[in-house]
């Protein structure tokens, strides 16, 4: 079974306005990844691939108006 690394971006929300940022307007998006959907997708991936590593990254989640 092929080993893979999974990179998860939880959100893009950021309060900085760096002119060199590649995200552009996505920095204003406060949507956060749905945990149940993520679990389902990881489960589907694990059927055909061995997940060797999961890398979690994202914007500034402490600025979001919701509880994570």
N, C-alpha and C. Protein backbone atom coordinates (compact mmCIF):
# COMPACT_ATOMS: atom_id res chain seq x y z
N UNK A 1 0.84 -1.17 0.00
CA UNK A 1 0.00 0.00 0.00
C UNK A 1 0.90 1.25 0.00
N UNK A 2 0.60 2.17 -0.89
CA UNK A 2 1.39 3.39 -1.02
C UNK A 2 1.19 4.31 0.19
N UNK A 3 2.31 4.85 0.71
CA UNK A 3 2.26 5.78 1.84
C UNK A 3 2.13 7.21 1.30
N UNK A 4 1.32 8.01 1.98
CA UNK A 4 1.18 9.40 1.58
C UNK A 4 1.18 10.32 2.80
N UNK A 5 1.42 11.59 2.55
CA UNK A 5 1.29 12.62 3.57
C UNK A 5 0.06 13.44 3.21
N UNK A 6 -0.75 13.76 4.20
CA UNK A 6 -1.96 14.54 3.98
C UNK A 6 -1.76 15.92 4.60
N UNK A 7 -1.99 16.96 3.80
CA UNK A 7 -1.85 18.34 4.26
C UNK A 7 -3.25 18.93 4.37
N UNK A 8 -3.62 19.37 5.58
CA UNK A 8 -4.95 19.90 5.83
C UNK A 8 -4.84 21.39 6.16
N UNK A 9 -5.58 22.21 5.43
CA UNK A 9 -5.65 23.63 5.73
C UNK A 9 -7.00 23.87 6.39
N UNK A 10 -6.98 24.22 7.67
CA UNK A 10 -8.22 24.37 8.42
C UNK A 10 -9.01 25.60 8.03
N UNK A 11 -8.32 26.70 7.71
CA UNK A 11 -8.96 27.94 7.27
C UNK A 11 -7.88 28.86 6.70
N UNK A 12 -8.31 29.95 6.09
CA UNK A 12 -7.38 30.91 5.50
C UNK A 12 -7.45 32.27 6.19
N UNK A 13 -8.33 32.43 7.16
CA UNK A 13 -8.60 33.72 7.78
C UNK A 13 -7.34 34.30 8.43
N UNK A 14 -7.04 35.56 8.13
CA UNK A 14 -5.85 36.20 8.66
C UNK A 14 -6.09 37.70 8.76
N UNK A 15 -5.61 38.31 9.84
CA UNK A 15 -5.80 39.74 10.04
C UNK A 15 -4.67 40.59 9.45
N UNK A 16 -3.64 39.97 8.95
CA UNK A 16 -2.57 40.73 8.31
C UNK A 16 -2.96 41.07 6.88
N UNK A 17 -2.40 42.08 6.34
CA UNK A 17 -2.71 42.50 4.98
C UNK A 17 -1.41 42.56 4.17
N UNK A 18 -0.70 41.45 4.17
CA UNK A 18 0.59 41.40 3.47
C UNK A 18 0.36 41.48 1.96
N UNK A 19 0.97 42.45 1.31
CA UNK A 19 0.74 42.62 -0.12
C UNK A 19 1.34 41.49 -0.95
N UNK A 20 2.24 40.72 -0.39
CA UNK A 20 2.85 39.60 -1.12
C UNK A 20 2.12 38.27 -0.90
N UNK A 21 1.08 38.27 -0.08
CA UNK A 21 0.36 37.02 0.24
C UNK A 21 -0.33 36.46 -0.99
N UNK A 22 -0.13 35.19 -1.24
CA UNK A 22 -0.72 34.53 -2.40
C UNK A 22 -2.21 34.24 -2.22
N UNK A 23 -2.72 34.33 -0.99
CA UNK A 23 -4.12 34.00 -0.74
C UNK A 23 -5.11 35.07 -1.19
N UNK A 24 -4.66 36.30 -1.27
CA UNK A 24 -5.54 37.37 -1.74
C UNK A 24 -6.80 37.48 -0.90
N UNK A 25 -7.97 37.47 -1.56
CA UNK A 25 -9.25 37.64 -0.88
C UNK A 25 -9.60 36.49 0.07
N UNK A 26 -8.96 35.34 -0.08
CA UNK A 26 -9.25 34.21 0.81
C UNK A 26 -8.93 34.52 2.28
N UNK A 27 -8.05 35.49 2.52
CA UNK A 27 -7.71 35.86 3.90
C UNK A 27 -8.92 36.38 4.67
N UNK A 28 -9.96 36.82 3.95
CA UNK A 28 -11.17 37.34 4.58
C UNK A 28 -12.23 36.26 4.82
N UNK A 29 -11.96 35.06 4.38
CA UNK A 29 -12.92 33.95 4.50
C UNK A 29 -12.80 33.30 5.87
N UNK A 30 -13.84 33.42 6.69
CA UNK A 30 -13.79 32.86 8.05
C UNK A 30 -14.36 31.45 8.13
N UNK A 31 -14.60 30.81 6.99
CA UNK A 31 -15.10 29.44 6.99
C UNK A 31 -14.02 28.49 7.52
N UNK A 32 -14.44 27.53 8.33
CA UNK A 32 -13.52 26.55 8.90
C UNK A 32 -13.91 25.16 8.38
N UNK A 33 -12.93 24.33 8.16
CA UNK A 33 -13.17 22.98 7.65
C UNK A 33 -14.12 22.22 8.57
N UNK A 34 -15.05 21.48 7.98
CA UNK A 34 -16.02 20.69 8.74
C UNK A 34 -15.35 19.40 9.22
N UNK A 35 -15.33 19.21 10.52
CA UNK A 35 -14.62 18.06 11.12
C UNK A 35 -15.20 16.72 10.67
N UNK A 36 -16.51 16.60 10.62
CA UNK A 36 -17.12 15.33 10.22
C UNK A 36 -16.79 15.00 8.76
N UNK A 37 -16.82 16.00 7.91
CA UNK A 37 -16.46 15.79 6.50
C UNK A 37 -15.00 15.39 6.39
N UNK A 38 -14.14 16.02 7.18
CA UNK A 38 -12.72 15.69 7.18
C UNK A 38 -12.50 14.23 7.61
N UNK A 39 -13.18 13.81 8.67
CA UNK A 39 -13.06 12.41 9.13
C UNK A 39 -13.45 11.44 8.03
N UNK A 40 -14.56 11.74 7.35
CA UNK A 40 -15.03 10.87 6.27
C UNK A 40 -14.01 10.79 5.15
N UNK A 41 -13.46 11.94 4.75
CA UNK A 41 -12.49 11.95 3.67
C UNK A 41 -11.21 11.20 4.04
N UNK A 42 -10.74 11.37 5.28
CA UNK A 42 -9.55 10.64 5.72
C UNK A 42 -9.81 9.13 5.74
N UNK A 43 -11.01 8.76 6.14
CA UNK A 43 -11.38 7.34 6.15
C UNK A 43 -11.38 6.78 4.73
N UNK A 44 -11.92 7.53 3.79
CA UNK A 44 -11.95 7.09 2.39
C UNK A 44 -10.54 6.97 1.82
N UNK A 45 -9.68 7.90 2.16
CA UNK A 45 -8.30 7.85 1.68
C UNK A 45 -7.58 6.63 2.23
N UNK A 46 -7.82 6.33 3.50
CA UNK A 46 -7.10 5.24 4.17
C UNK A 46 -7.46 3.85 3.63
N UNK A 47 -8.51 3.76 2.83
CA UNK A 47 -8.88 2.48 2.22
C UNK A 47 -7.83 2.07 1.18
N UNK A 48 -7.33 3.04 0.43
CA UNK A 48 -6.40 2.71 -0.65
C UNK A 48 -4.96 3.20 -0.41
N UNK A 49 -4.77 4.01 0.61
CA UNK A 49 -3.45 4.55 0.91
C UNK A 49 -3.17 4.47 2.40
N UNK A 50 -1.90 4.33 2.75
CA UNK A 50 -1.50 4.39 4.15
C UNK A 50 -1.09 5.82 4.45
N UNK A 51 -1.80 6.45 5.38
CA UNK A 51 -1.48 7.83 5.73
C UNK A 51 -0.31 7.81 6.69
N UNK A 52 0.82 8.29 6.18
CA UNK A 52 2.06 8.28 6.95
C UNK A 52 2.16 9.49 7.89
N UNK A 53 1.60 10.60 7.44
CA UNK A 53 1.72 11.83 8.22
C UNK A 53 0.55 12.75 7.87
N UNK A 54 0.04 13.47 8.88
CA UNK A 54 -0.99 14.48 8.66
C UNK A 54 -0.42 15.81 9.13
N UNK A 55 -0.41 16.78 8.22
CA UNK A 55 0.10 18.11 8.53
C UNK A 55 -1.09 19.06 8.57
N UNK A 56 -1.25 19.75 9.69
CA UNK A 56 -2.38 20.67 9.86
C UNK A 56 -1.85 22.10 9.90
N UNK A 57 -2.42 22.94 9.06
CA UNK A 57 -2.03 24.34 9.00
C UNK A 57 -3.28 25.18 8.76
N UNK A 58 -3.10 26.46 8.82
CA UNK A 58 -4.25 27.34 8.55
C UNK A 58 -3.97 28.76 8.95
N UNK A 59 -4.98 29.56 8.84
CA UNK A 59 -4.87 30.97 9.16
C UNK A 59 -4.84 31.21 10.66
N UNK A 60 -5.28 32.35 11.06
CA UNK A 60 -5.28 32.73 12.47
C UNK A 60 -6.63 32.37 13.08
N UNK A 61 -6.76 31.15 13.53
CA UNK A 61 -8.04 30.66 14.04
C UNK A 61 -8.48 31.33 15.33
N UNK A 62 -7.59 31.94 16.08
CA UNK A 62 -7.99 32.61 17.32
C UNK A 62 -8.80 33.88 17.04
N UNK A 63 -8.82 34.35 15.81
CA UNK A 63 -9.61 35.52 15.44
C UNK A 63 -11.05 35.18 15.05
N UNK A 64 -11.33 33.91 14.88
CA UNK A 64 -12.66 33.51 14.44
C UNK A 64 -13.70 33.67 15.55
N UNK A 65 -14.91 34.07 15.20
CA UNK A 65 -15.96 34.30 16.20
C UNK A 65 -16.67 33.04 16.67
N UNK A 66 -16.14 31.86 16.34
CA UNK A 66 -16.79 30.60 16.71
C UNK A 66 -15.85 29.77 17.58
N UNK A 67 -16.44 28.81 18.29
CA UNK A 67 -15.62 27.87 19.05
C UNK A 67 -15.25 26.71 18.16
N UNK A 68 -13.99 26.34 18.18
CA UNK A 68 -13.52 25.22 17.35
C UNK A 68 -13.54 23.94 18.12
